[in-house]
């Protein structure tokens, strides 16, 4: 299977990042496997923000923390 084409990056505000992550947090189910949740978060970041995480960045400890995820998105996207 060939990789999906990359979408053109556009500016994303910190407020938008925070809102998307808050909405995503509201949908999370308690008790979900942390590794599975990390993969789901990585897919969300790819689909919504157009960024792909490396295997090393798909860390359940980081991706479970909204502030850490926001910082990661800001770093990888260069939010304005």
Protein backbone atom coordinates (compact mmCIF):
# COMPACT_ATOMS: atom_id res chain seq x y z
CA UNK A 1 0.00 0.00 0.00
CA UNK A 2 1.44 3.36 -0.94
CA UNK A 3 1.45 6.21 1.58
CA UNK A 4 -1.30 8.78 1.41
CA UNK A 5 -0.38 12.03 -0.32
CA UNK A 6 0.63 14.81 2.06
CA UNK A 7 -1.74 17.71 2.36
CA UNK A 8 -0.45 21.22 2.02
CA UNK A 9 0.32 22.65 5.46
CA UNK A 10 -1.47 25.78 6.51
CA UNK A 11 -1.13 27.85 9.66
CA UNK A 12 -2.92 26.52 12.72
CA UNK A 13 -3.51 28.70 15.74
CA UNK A 14 -2.76 27.53 19.25
CA UNK A 15 -6.45 28.06 20.05
CA UNK A 16 -7.44 25.68 17.26
CA UNK A 17 -4.97 23.08 18.51
CA UNK A 18 -6.34 23.42 22.06
CA UNK A 19 -9.95 23.12 20.88
CA UNK A 20 -9.31 20.03 18.75
CA UNK A 21 -7.46 18.34 21.61
CA UNK A 22 -10.17 19.27 24.13
CA UNK A 23 -12.81 17.78 21.83
CA UNK A 24 -10.71 14.65 21.40
CA UNK A 25 -10.20 14.33 25.17
CA UNK A 26 -13.97 14.46 25.65
CA UNK A 27 -14.33 11.44 23.34
CA UNK A 28 -11.71 9.25 25.03
CA UNK A 29 -12.96 6.22 26.91
CA UNK A 30 -11.55 5.48 30.36
CA UNK A 31 -9.69 2.20 30.60
CA UNK A 32 -8.58 2.09 26.96
CA UNK A 33 -5.18 0.47 26.42
CA UNK A 34 -2.55 3.27 26.54
CA UNK A 35 -0.70 1.95 23.48
CA UNK A 36 -3.90 1.81 21.44
CA UNK A 37 -4.85 5.29 22.63
CA UNK A 38 -1.42 6.60 21.56
CA UNK A 39 -1.90 5.17 18.07
CA UNK A 40 -5.39 6.72 17.86
CA UNK A 41 -3.95 10.07 18.92
CA UNK A 42 -1.19 9.78 16.30
CA UNK A 43 -3.83 9.08 13.62
CA UNK A 44 -5.83 12.11 14.78
CA UNK A 45 -2.75 14.34 14.52
CA UNK A 46 -2.04 13.07 11.03
CA UNK A 47 -5.62 13.46 9.83
CA UNK A 48 -6.39 16.82 11.43
CA UNK A 49 -3.03 18.60 11.41
CA UNK A 50 -1.27 16.83 8.53
CA UNK A 51 1.70 15.69 10.61
CA UNK A 52 3.10 12.20 10.86
CA UNK A 53 4.76 11.07 14.05
CA UNK A 54 7.83 8.89 14.08
CA UNK A 55 7.70 5.62 16.00
CA UNK A 56 9.69 7.29 18.78
CA UNK A 57 7.10 10.09 19.04
CA UNK A 58 4.22 7.63 19.48
CA UNK A 59 4.81 7.50 23.21
CA UNK A 60 1.75 6.69 25.36
CA UNK A 61 3.11 8.78 28.24
CA UNK A 62 3.35 11.87 26.03
CA UNK A 63 0.25 11.35 23.91
CA UNK A 64 -1.97 10.88 26.99
CA UNK A 65 -1.20 14.44 28.14
CA UNK A 66 -3.06 17.17 26.21
CA UNK A 67 -0.49 19.83 27.05
CA UNK A 68 2.34 17.62 25.79
CA UNK A 69 0.39 16.82 22.61
CA UNK A 70 -0.30 20.52 22.03
CA UNK A 71 3.41 21.27 22.45
CA UNK A 72 4.28 18.46 20.03
CA UNK A 73 1.82 19.75 17.40
CA UNK A 74 3.09 23.30 17.86
CA UNK A 75 6.68 22.13 17.44
CA UNK A 76 5.96 19.99 14.38
CA UNK A 77 3.55 22.41 12.69
CA UNK A 78 4.87 25.77 13.83
CA UNK A 79 1.54 27.07 15.13
CA UNK A 80 0.92 30.80 15.04
